[in-house]
Amino acid sequence: MRFVRRPGALPALIAAVLALAPRLAHAQDAGGLRDFCAERPGRATPPCIVDVGRVMIEVDGLDLTRNRDAGLTQTSLVALSPHLRFGLTPNLEWGVNFTPFTETRVRGDPAARATTRGTGDTTLDLKFSLLNPGGAGPSVAILPFVSLPTAQHGLGAGGFQGGVIAPVALALPSGFSLSLAPELDVVRNGEGGVRPLYVSAISLGHALTPQLSGAVELWASAEHAPDGWEKHATADVALAWIPKARPNLQLDAGVNLGLNHSAPDVQAYVGASRRF
């Protein structure tokens, strides 16, 4: 099925989300707030659920990816990309992520030079907690998602995609925490069909100070292409800071380094999260 992008669809979705946010932000849940738990930084999605009636806004302020291969250098930039999470029940949250601006540049051979910029795809998700939604003790969740082809030509997948993540979090001795995020996606193959993509992330985190925490992460993906398996692997480092005077605000930064030839050489990002 061919999807025809309507220029007004994404602005209408954004307007609806922003109109709903103040109502949810003023709703009150039965007990105290859970520990602050953003899905950023890092790529190991946590299983924790946003409090009922609360909104978590997580913004990818600046995300830069650079890769050099076969004499060509490709640079991808994402700016001010928000992810909104809404607490619906004690065990369920709804999320929407959209990309207002993204740019891809290819440099090298003059004949191959190109710059493409515009909006990206939109992702909708539901996260359902199977164990400990507040993150106290071992936690498990299931997170199905679907990607809508709202991107301008050449910047998105070119069609609907989707998948499911099964986040797991465990507390370890000496203040360490372990997060796992196995994932199975169905992605476009560029020829009008789809194929499976297997993704896995494992993260080891620790509090460096009462307000600053850090994590190291290994991330890998494997996609079954016609000529064999296409694999990517990265080693990631991330920092998150929650100011003492603003316990509902988090600032973060991270770097992902490619471990094999297929993975991008480096990805660096900064962002922020705010609970309302």
C-alpha atoms as a PDB file:
ATOM      1  CA  MET A   1       0.000   0.000   0.000  1.00  0.00           C
ATOM      2  CA  ARG A   2       1.392   3.359  -0.974  1.00  0.00           C
ATOM      3  CA  PHE A   3       1.179   6.110   1.619  1.00  0.00           C
ATOM      4  CA  VAL A   4       0.623   9.654   0.365  1.00  0.00           C
ATOM      5  CA  ARG A   5       1.925  12.183   2.872  1.00  0.00           C
ATOM      6  CA  ARG A   6      -0.426  15.014   3.675  1.00  0.00           C
ATOM      7  CA  PRO A   7       1.478  18.193   4.573  1.00  0.00           C
ATOM      8  CA  GLY A   8      -0.971  19.072   7.374  1.00  0.00           C
ATOM      9  CA  ALA A   9      -0.894  15.690   9.133  1.00  0.00           C
ATOM     10  CA  LEU A  10       2.197  16.217  11.296  1.00  0.00           C
ATOM     11  CA  PRO A  11       1.299  19.774  12.460  1.00  0.00           C
ATOM     12  CA  ALA A  12      -2.178  18.540  13.372  1.00  0.00           C
ATOM     13  CA  LEU A  13      -0.720  15.691  15.434  1.00  0.00           C
ATOM     14  CA  ILE A  14       1.670  18.043  17.221  1.00  0.00           C
ATOM     15  CA  ALA A  15      -1.142  20.490  17.987  1.00  0.00           C
ATOM     16  CA  ALA A  16      -3.327  17.727  19.413  1.00  0.00           C
ATOM     17  CA  VAL A  17      -0.516  16.436  21.627  1.00  0.00           C
ATOM     18  CA  LEU A  18       0.322  19.895  22.954  1.00  0.00           C
ATOM     19  CA  ALA A  19      -3.345  20.628  23.621  1.00  0.00           C
ATOM     20  CA  LEU A  20      -3.656  17.425  25.660  1.00  0.00           C
ATOM     21  CA  ALA A  21      -0.447  17.898  27.657  1.00  0.00           C
ATOM     22  CA  PRO A  22      -1.656  20.644  30.071  1.00  0.00           C
ATOM     23  CA  ARG A  23      -4.729  18.606  31.040  1.00  0.00           C
ATOM     24  CA  LEU A  24      -2.658  15.544  31.837  1.00  0.00           C
ATOM     25  CA  ALA A  25      -0.011  17.581  33.608  1.00  0.00           C
ATOM     26  CA  HIS A  26      -2.548  18.888  36.146  1.00  0.00           C
ATOM     27  CA  ALA A  27      -4.117  15.500  36.827  1.00  0.00           C
ATOM     28  CA  GLN A  28      -3.178  13.970  40.173  1.00  0.00           C
ATOM     29  CA  ASP A  29      -2.260  10.364  40.826  1.00  0.00           C
ATOM     30  CA  ALA A  30      -3.089   8.571  44.063  1.00  0.00           C
ATOM     31  CA  GLY A  31       0.350   8.467  45.623  1.00  0.00           C
ATOM     32  CA  GLY A  32       3.711  10.224  45.460  1.00  0.00           C
ATOM     33  CA  LEU A  33       5.707  10.544  42.263  1.00  0.00           C
ATOM     34  CA  ARG A  34       7.915   7.712  41.151  1.00  0.00           C
ATOM     35  CA  ASP A  35      11.651   8.142  40.671  1.00  0.00           C
ATOM     36  CA  PHE A  36      12.516  10.271  37.661  1.00  0.00           C
ATOM     37  CA  CYS A  37      13.023   7.857  34.770  1.00  0.00           C
ATOM     38  CA  ALA A  38      13.597   9.223  31.270  1.00  0.00           C
ATOM     39  CA  GLU A  39      14.166   6.995  28.241  1.00  0.00           C
ATOM     40  CA  ARG A  40      17.245   8.987  27.376  1.00  0.00           C
ATOM     41  CA  PRO A  41      20.221   9.042  27.249  1.00  0.00           C
ATOM     42  CA  GLY A  42      21.370   5.726  25.815  1.00  0.00           C
ATOM     43  CA  ARG A  43      19.587   3.166  23.662  1.00  0.00           C
ATOM     44  CA  ALA A  44      18.634   0.571  26.295  1.00  0.00           C
ATOM     45  CA  THR A  45      14.995   1.621  26.791  1.00  0.00           C
ATOM     46  CA  PRO A  46      14.058   1.432  30.512  1.00  0.00           C
ATOM     47  CA  PRO A  47      10.882  -0.472  31.568  1.00  0.00           C
ATOM     48  CA  CYS A  48       9.612   2.236  33.973  1.00  0.00           C
ATOM     49  CA  ILE A  49       6.203   3.877  33.403  1.00  0.00           C
ATOM     50  CA  VAL A  50       5.367   7.594  33.711  1.00  0.00           C
ATOM     51  CA  ASP A  51       3.064   8.414  36.664  1.00  0.00           C
ATOM     52  CA  VAL A  52      -0.672   8.498  35.939  1.00  0.00           C
ATOM     53  CA  GLY A  53      -1.699  11.891  34.570  1.00  0.00           C
ATOM     54  CA  ARG A  54       1.894  13.054  34.168  1.00  0.00           C
ATOM     55  CA  VAL A  55       3.763  14.019  31.021  1.00  0.00           C
ATOM     56  CA  MET A  56       7.454  13.432  30.282  1.00  0.00           C
ATOM     57  CA  ILE A  57       8.899  15.534  27.471  1.00  0.00           C
ATOM     58  CA  GLU A  58      12.300  14.317  26.265  1.00  0.00           C
ATOM     59  CA  VAL A  59      14.048  16.435  23.641  1.00  0.00           C
ATOM     60  CA  ASP A  60      16.952  15.383  21.450  1.00  0.00           C
ATOM     61  CA  GLY A  61      18.467  18.872  21.351  1.00  0.00           C
ATOM     62  CA  LEU A  62      21.242  18.085  18.877  1.00  0.00           C
ATOM     63  CA  ASP A  63      22.205  14.690  17.457  1.00  0.00           C
ATOM     64  CA  LEU A  64      25.095  14.426  14.988  1.00  0.00           C
ATOM     65  CA  THR A  65      26.164  11.210  13.225  1.00  0.00           C
ATOM     66  CA  ARG A  66      29.233  10.973  10.987  1.00  0.00           C
ATOM     67  CA  ASN A  67      30.447   8.090   8.836  1.00  0.00           C
ATOM     68  CA  ARG A  68      33.182   7.779   6.223  1.00  0.00           C
ATOM     69  CA  ASP A  69      33.135   4.931   3.723  1.00  0.00           C
ATOM     70  CA  ALA A  70      34.508   4.386   0.196  1.00  0.00           C
ATOM     71  CA  GLY A  71      35.802   7.947  -0.031  1.00  0.00           C
ATOM     72  CA  LEU A  72      32.445   9.483   0.922  1.00  0.00           C
ATOM     73  CA  THR A  73      31.606  11.225   4.188  1.00  0.00           C
ATOM     74  CA  GLN A  74      27.985  11.194   5.299  1.00  0.00           C
ATOM     75  CA  THR A  75      26.819  13.500   8.095  1.00  0.00           C
ATOM     76  CA  SER A  76      23.323  13.307   9.588  1.00  0.00           C
ATOM     77  CA  LEU A  77      21.895  15.956  11.906  1.00  0.00           C
ATOM     78  CA  VAL A  78      18.713  15.882  13.989  1.00  0.00           C
ATOM     79  CA  ALA A  79      17.694  18.989  15.957  1.00  0.00           C
ATOM     80  CA  LEU A  80      14.992  19.623  18.573  1.00  0.00           C
ATOM     81  CA  SER A  81      13.296  16.253  18.184  1.00  0.00           C
ATOM     82  CA  PRO A  82      10.796  15.681  21.045  1.00  0.00           C
ATOM     83  CA  HIS A  83       9.527  12.440  22.531  1.00  0.00           C
ATOM     84  CA  LEU A  84       6.344  12.874  24.600  1.00  0.00           C
ATOM     85  CA  ARG A  85       5.300  10.187  27.101  1.00  0.00           C
ATOM     86  CA  PHE A  86       1.877  10.204  28.803  1.00  0.00           C
ATOM     87  CA  GLY A  87       1.001   8.160  31.916  1.00  0.00           C
ATOM     88  CA  LEU A  88      -2.396   6.538  31.217  1.00  0.00           C
ATOM     89  CA  THR A  89      -2.654   3.967  34.024  1.00  0.00           C
ATOM     90  CA  PRO A  90      -0.226   2.793  36.747  1.00  0.00           C
ATOM     91  CA  ASN A  91       1.082   0.181  34.268  1.00  0.00           C
ATOM     92  CA  LEU A  92       0.579   1.836  30.874  1.00  0.00           C
ATOM     93  CA  GLU A  93       1.952   4.859  29.040  1.00  0.00           C
ATOM     94  CA  TRP A  94       1.568   6.217  25.521  1.00  0.00           C
ATOM     95  CA  GLY A  95       4.343   7.937  23.583  1.00  0.00           C
ATOM     96  CA  VAL A  96       4.832   9.929  20.397  1.00  0.00           C
ATOM     97  CA  ASN A  97       8.146  10.940  18.843  1.00  0.00           C
ATOM     98  CA  PHE A  98       8.538  13.221  15.838  1.00  0.00           C
ATOM     99  CA  THR A  99      11.419  14.912  14.038  1.00  0.00           C
ATOM    100  CA  PRO A 100      10.728  18.517  12.988  1.00  0.00           C
ATOM    101  CA  PHE A 101      14.153  18.904  11.370  1.00  0.00           C
ATOM    102  CA  THR A 102      16.735  16.499  10.024  1.00  0.00           C
ATOM    103  CA  GLU A 103      19.520  16.950   7.506  1.00  0.00           C
ATOM    104  CA  THR A 104      21.766  14.516   5.650  1.00  0.00           C
ATOM    105  CA  ARG A 105      24.911  15.580   3.793  1.00  0.00           C
ATOM    106  CA  VAL A 106      27.127  13.461   1.550  1.00  0.00           C
ATOM    107  CA  ARG A 107      30.574  14.809   0.632  1.00  0.00           C
ATOM    108  CA  GLY A 108      33.497  13.394  -1.354  1.00  0.00           C
ATOM    109  CA  ASP A 109      33.293  12.767  -5.073  1.00  0.00           C
ATOM    110  CA  PRO A 110      31.818  15.985  -6.594  1.00  0.00           C
ATOM    111  CA  ALA A 111      29.336  13.876  -8.547  1.00  0.00           C
ATOM    112  CA  ALA A 112      28.040  12.337  -5.308  1.00  0.00           C
ATOM    113  CA  ARG A 113      27.608  15.547  -3.295  1.00  0.00           C
ATOM    114  CA  ALA A 114      24.109  15.959  -1.925  1.00  0.00           C
ATOM    115  CA  THR A 115      22.229  17.672   0.912  1.00  0.00           C
ATOM    116  CA  THR A 116      18.719  16.688   1.975  1.00  0.00           C
ATOM    117  CA  ARG A 117      16.806  18.377   4.774  1.00  0.00           C
ATOM    118  CA  GLY A 118      13.252  18.431   6.107  1.00  0.00           C
ATOM    119  CA  THR A 119      10.996  16.581   8.556  1.00  0.00           C
ATOM    120  CA  GLY A 120      11.448  12.980   9.624  1.00  0.00           C
ATOM    121  CA  ASP A 121       9.136  10.081  10.393  1.00  0.00           C
ATOM    122  CA  THR A 122       6.779   9.944  13.397  1.00  0.00           C
ATOM    123  CA  THR A 123       6.723   7.064  15.890  1.00  0.00           C
ATOM    124  CA  LEU A 124       3.825   6.036  18.153  1.00  0.00           C
ATOM    125  CA  ASP A 125       4.302   3.569  21.011  1.00  0.00           C
ATOM    126  CA  LEU A 126       2.638   1.970  24.028  1.00  0.00           C
ATOM    127  CA  LYS A 127       4.627   0.690  26.991  1.00  0.00           C
ATOM    128  CA  PHE A 128       2.988  -1.822  29.333  1.00  0.00           C
ATOM    129  CA  SER A 129       4.707  -2.802  32.574  1.00  0.00           C
ATOM    130  CA  LEU A 130       4.711  -6.496  33.464  1.00  0.00           C
ATOM    131  CA  LEU A 131       6.608  -6.045  36.748  1.00  0.00           C
ATOM    132  CA  ASN A 132       7.382  -3.039  38.984  1.00  0.00           C
ATOM    133  CA  PRO A 133       6.258  -0.072  36.824  1.00  0.00           C
ATOM    134  CA  GLY A 134       7.909   2.414  39.177  1.00  0.00           C
ATOM    135  CA  GLY A 135      11.338   0.854  38.716  1.00  0.00           C
ATOM    136  CA  ALA A 136      11.708  -0.403  42.301  1.00  0.00           C
ATOM    137  CA  GLY A 137      13.275  -3.850  42.087  1.00  0.00           C
ATOM    138  CA  PRO A 138      13.489  -5.987  38.944  1.00  0.00           C
ATOM    139  CA  SER A 139      11.365  -4.393  36.215  1.00  0.00           C
ATOM    140  CA  VAL A 140      10.014  -5.779  32.936  1.00  0.00           C
ATOM    141  CA  ALA A 141       7.870  -4.171  30.238  1.00  0.00           C
ATOM    142  CA  ILE A 142       6.696  -4.686  26.676  1.00  0.00           C
ATOM    143  CA  LEU A 143       6.775  -1.814  24.175  1.00  0.00           C
ATOM    144  CA  PRO A 144       5.200  -2.192  20.710  1.00  0.00           C
ATOM    145  CA  PHE A 145       5.622   0.723  18.302  1.00  0.00           C
ATOM    146  CA  VAL A 146       4.805   1.818  14.770  1.00  0.00           C
ATOM    147  CA  SER A 147       6.626   4.349  12.576  1.00  0.00           C
ATOM    148  CA  LEU A 148       4.484   6.538  10.308  1.00  0.00           C
ATOM    149  CA  PRO A 149       6.007   7.738   6.988  1.00  0.00           C
ATOM    150  CA  THR A 150       5.649  11.476   7.614  1.00  0.00           C
ATOM    151  CA  ALA A 151       9.187  12.302   6.456  1.00  0.00           C
ATOM    152  CA  GLN A 152      10.010  14.298   3.385  1.00  0.00           C
ATOM    153  CA  HIS A 153      11.371  12.339   0.437  1.00  0.00           C
ATOM    154  CA  GLY A 154      14.780  10.788   1.084  1.00  0.00           C
ATOM    155  CA  LEU A 155      14.751  11.343   4.861  1.00  0.00           C
ATOM    156  CA  GLY A 156      12.588   8.521   6.172  1.00  0.00           C
ATOM    157  CA  ALA A 157      11.907   4.836   5.730  1.00  0.00           C
ATOM    158  CA  GLY A 158       9.526   5.441   2.851  1.00  0.00           C
ATOM    159  CA  GLY A 159       6.687   3.469   4.420  1.00  0.00           C
ATOM    160  CA  PHE A 160       5.224   2.044   7.588  1.00  0.00           C
ATOM    161  CA  GLN A 161       7.547   0.185   9.941  1.00  0.00           C
ATOM    162  CA  GLY A 162       7.103  -1.287  13.404  1.00  0.00           C
ATOM    163  CA  GLY A 163       8.439  -3.522  16.087  1.00  0.00           C
ATOM    164  CA  VAL A 164       8.423  -4.514  19.721  1.00  0.00           C
ATOM    165  CA  ILE A 165      10.924  -3.978  22.559  1.00  0.00           C
ATOM    166  CA  ALA A 166      11.070  -5.972  25.816  1.00  0.00           C
ATOM    167  CA  PRO A 167      12.952  -3.756  28.325  1.00  0.00           C
ATOM    168  CA  VAL A 168      14.363  -5.308  31.503  1.00  0.00           C
ATOM    169  CA  ALA A 169      16.105  -3.557  34.417  1.00  0.00           C
ATOM    170  CA  LEU A 170      17.903  -5.060  37.408  1.00  0.00           C
ATOM    171  CA  ALA A 171      19.615  -3.552  40.446  1.00  0.00           C
ATOM    172  CA  LEU A 172      23.128  -4.898  41.050  1.00  0.00           C
ATOM    173  CA  PRO A 173      25.377  -4.742  44.115  1.00  0.00           C
ATOM    174  CA  SER A 174      27.440  -1.628  44.907  1.00  0.00           C
ATOM    175  CA  GLY A 175      24.938   0.764  43.338  1.00  0.00           C
ATOM    176  CA  PHE A 176      25.168  -0.556  39.779  1.00  0.00           C
ATOM    177  CA  SER A 177      22.164  -1.165  37.532  1.00  0.00           C
ATOM    178  CA  LEU A 178      21.779  -3.363  34.472  1.00  0.00           C
ATOM    179  CA  SER A 179      19.378  -2.654  31.599  1.00  0.00           C
ATOM    180  CA  LEU A 180      18.566  -4.963  28.687  1.00  0.00           C
ATOM    181  CA  ALA A 181      16.465  -4.086  25.643  1.00  0.00           C
ATOM    182  CA  PRO A 182      16.000  -6.915  23.109  1.00  0.00           C
ATOM    183  CA  GLU A 183      14.028  -5.738  20.081  1.00  0.00           C
ATOM    184  CA  LEU A 184      12.488  -7.180  16.935  1.00  0.00           C
ATOM    185  CA  ASP A 185      11.541  -4.816  14.090  1.00  0.00           C
ATOM    186  CA  VAL A 186       9.996  -5.109  10.654  1.00  0.00           C
ATOM    187  CA  VAL A 187      11.746  -2.575   8.382  1.00  0.00           C
ATOM    188  CA  ARG A 188      11.532  -1.467   4.765  1.00  0.00           C
ATOM    189  CA  ASN A 189      14.081  -2.996   2.402  1.00  0.00           C
ATOM    190  CA  GLY A 190      14.067  -0.130  -0.116  1.00  0.00           C
ATOM    191  CA  GLU A 191      12.416  -2.265  -2.787  1.00  0.00           C
ATOM    192  CA  GLY A 192       8.815  -2.060  -1.609  1.00  0.00           C
ATOM    193  CA  GLY A 193       9.097  -5.061   0.734  1.00  0.00           C
ATOM    194  CA  VAL A 194       9.989  -5.626   4.372  1.00  0.00           C
ATOM    195  CA  ARG A 195      12.438  -7.741   6.333  1.00  0.00           C
ATOM    196  CA  PRO A 196      13.236  -8.424  10.011  1.00  0.00           C
ATOM    197  CA  LEU A 197      15.753  -6.433  12.035  1.00  0.00           C
ATOM    198  CA  TYR A 198      17.073  -7.798  15.329  1.00  0.00           C
ATOM    199  CA  VAL A 199      18.367  -5.254  17.855  1.00  0.00           C
ATOM    200  CA  SER A 200      19.886  -5.634  21.313  1.00  0.00           C
ATOM    201  CA  ALA A 201      21.212  -3.140  23.847  1.00  0.00           C
ATOM    202  CA  ILE A 202      22.827  -3.821  27.223  1.00  0.00           C
ATOM    203  CA  SER A 203      23.685  -0.973  29.597  1.00  0.00           C
ATOM    204  CA  LEU A 204      25.576  -0.840  32.893  1.00  0.00           C
ATOM    205  CA  GLY A 205      24.830   2.279  34.928  1.00  0.00           C
ATOM    206  CA  HIS A 206      26.071   3.810  38.181  1.00  0.00           C
ATOM    207  CA  ALA A 207      25.538   7.024  40.141  1.00  0.00           C
ATOM    208  CA  LEU A 208      28.738   9.107  40.040  1.00  0.00           C
ATOM    209  CA  THR A 209      27.386  11.746  42.447  1.00  0.00           C
ATOM    210  CA  PRO A 210      23.920  12.259  44.030  1.00  0.00           C
ATOM    211  CA  GLN A 211      22.895  14.238  40.916  1.00  0.00           C
ATOM    212  CA  LEU A 212      25.095  12.780  38.156  1.00  0.00           C
ATOM    213  CA  SER A 213      24.873   9.272  36.735  1.00  0.00           C
ATOM    214  CA  GLY A 214      26.789   7.531  33.975  1.00  0.00           C
ATOM    215  CA  ALA A 215      26.381   4.433  31.841  1.00  0.00           C
ATOM    216  CA  VAL A 216      28.366   2.358  29.379  1.00  0.00           C
ATOM    217  CA  GLU A 217      26.465   0.448  26.749  1.00  0.00           C
ATOM    218  CA  LEU A 218      26.889  -2.107  23.991  1.00  0.00           C
ATOM    219  CA  TRP A 219      24.407  -1.947  21.110  1.00  0.00           C
ATOM    220  CA  ALA A 220      24.090  -4.277  18.123  1.00  0.00           C
ATOM    221  CA  SER A 221      21.715  -4.926  15.232  1.00  0.00           C
ATOM    222  CA  ALA A 222      21.452  -7.595  12.555  1.00  0.00           C
ATOM    223  CA  GLU A 223      19.362  -7.297   9.386  1.00  0.00           C
ATOM    224  CA  HIS A 224      18.846 -10.153   6.935  1.00  0.00           C
ATOM    225  CA  ALA A 225      19.686  -8.708   3.501  1.00  0.00           C
ATOM    226  CA  PRO A 226      19.569 -10.597   0.166  1.00  0.00           C
ATOM    227  CA  ASP A 227      23.365 -10.931   0.133  1.00  0.00           C
ATOM    228  CA  GLY A 228      23.695 -11.999   3.770  1.00  0.00           C
ATOM    229  CA  TRP A 229      23.468 -10.512   7.240  1.00  0.00           C
ATOM    230  CA  GLU A 230      24.161  -6.804   7.671  1.00  0.00           C
ATOM    231  CA  LYS A 231      25.441  -6.176  11.204  1.00  0.00           C
ATOM    232  CA  HIS A 232      26.112  -2.996  13.181  1.00  0.00           C
ATOM    233  CA  ALA A 233      27.702  -2.657  16.618  1.00  0.00           C
ATOM    234  CA  THR A 234      28.591   0.350  18.794  1.00  0.00           C
ATOM    235  CA  ALA A 235      30.103   1.087  22.203  1.00  0.00           C
ATOM    236  CA  ASP A 236      28.282   3.937  23.925  1.00  0.00           C
ATOM    237  CA  VAL A 237      28.917   6.262  26.869  1.00  0.00           C
ATOM    238  CA  ALA A 238      26.230   8.485  28.400  1.00  0.00           C
ATOM    239  CA  LEU A 239      25.892  10.979  31.268  1.00  0.00           C
ATOM    240  CA  ALA A 240      22.721  12.312  32.896  1.00  0.00           C
ATOM    241  CA  TRP A 241      22.462  15.162  35.428  1.00  0.00           C
ATOM    242  CA  ILE A 242      19.420  16.024  37.564  1.00  0.00           C
ATOM    243  CA  PRO A 243      19.940  19.394  39.303  1.00  0.00           C
ATOM    244  CA  LYS A 244      19.270  19.239  43.043  1.00  0.00           C
ATOM    245  CA  ALA A 245      16.965  22.265  42.879  1.00  0.00           C
ATOM    246  CA  ARG A 246      15.014  20.855  39.890  1.00  0.00           C
ATOM    247  CA  PRO A 247      14.233  17.167  40.526  1.00  0.00           C
ATOM    248  CA  ASN A 248      11.885  16.999  37.522  1.00  0.00           C
ATOM    249  CA  LEU A 249      14.559  18.102  35.029  1.00  0.00           C
ATOM    250  CA  GLN A 250      17.381  16.073  33.486  1.00  0.00           C
ATOM    251  CA  LEU A 251      20.173  17.181  31.144  1.00  0.00           C
ATOM    252  CA  ASP A 252      22.181  14.567  29.259  1.00  0.00           C
ATOM    253  CA  ALA A 253      24.905  13.911  26.714  1.00  0.00           C
ATOM    254  CA  GLY A 254      26.388  10.862  25.055  1.00  0.00           C
ATOM    255  CA  VAL A 255      28.746   9.455  22.433  1.00  0.00           C
ATOM    256  CA  ASN A 256      28.328   6.241  20.399  1.00  0.00           C
ATOM    257  CA  LEU A 257      31.420   4.784  18.693  1.00  0.00           C
ATOM    258  CA  GLY A 258      31.212   2.303  15.816  1.00  0.00           C
ATOM    259  CA  LEU A 259      32.789  -1.095  16.477  1.00  0.00           C
ATOM    260  CA  ASN A 260      32.583  -2.512  12.959  1.00  0.00           C
ATOM    261  CA  HIS A 261      32.794  -1.254   9.412  1.00  0.00           C
ATOM    262  CA  SER A 262      29.039  -1.161   8.862  1.00  0.00           C
ATOM    263  CA  ALA A 263      28.267   1.008  11.896  1.00  0.00           C
ATOM    264  CA  PRO A 264      28.579   4.819  11.764  1.00  0.00           C
ATOM    265  CA  ASP A 265      31.994   6.009  12.943  1.00  0.00           C
ATOM    266  CA  VAL A 266      30.665   8.309  15.660  1.00  0.00           C
ATOM    267  CA  GLN A 267      27.397   9.708  16.963  1.00  0.00           C
ATOM    268  CA  ALA A 268      27.249  12.495  19.565  1.00  0.00           C
ATOM    269  CA  TYR A 269      24.186  14.074  21.142  1.00  0.00           C
ATOM    270  CA  VAL A 270      22.890  16.352  23.901  1.00  0.00           C
ATOM    271  CA  GLY A 271      19.346  16.601  25.198  1.00  0.00           C
ATOM    272  CA  ALA A 272      16.996  17.246  28.094  1.00  0.00           C
ATOM    273  CA  SER A 273      13.965  15.688  29.774  1.00  0.00           C
ATOM    274  CA  ARG A 274      11.249  17.384  31.874  1.00  0.00           C
ATOM    275  CA  ARG A 275       8.428  15.865  33.883  1.00  0.00           C
ATOM    276  CA  PHE A 276       5.185  17.830  34.313  1.00  0.00           C
END
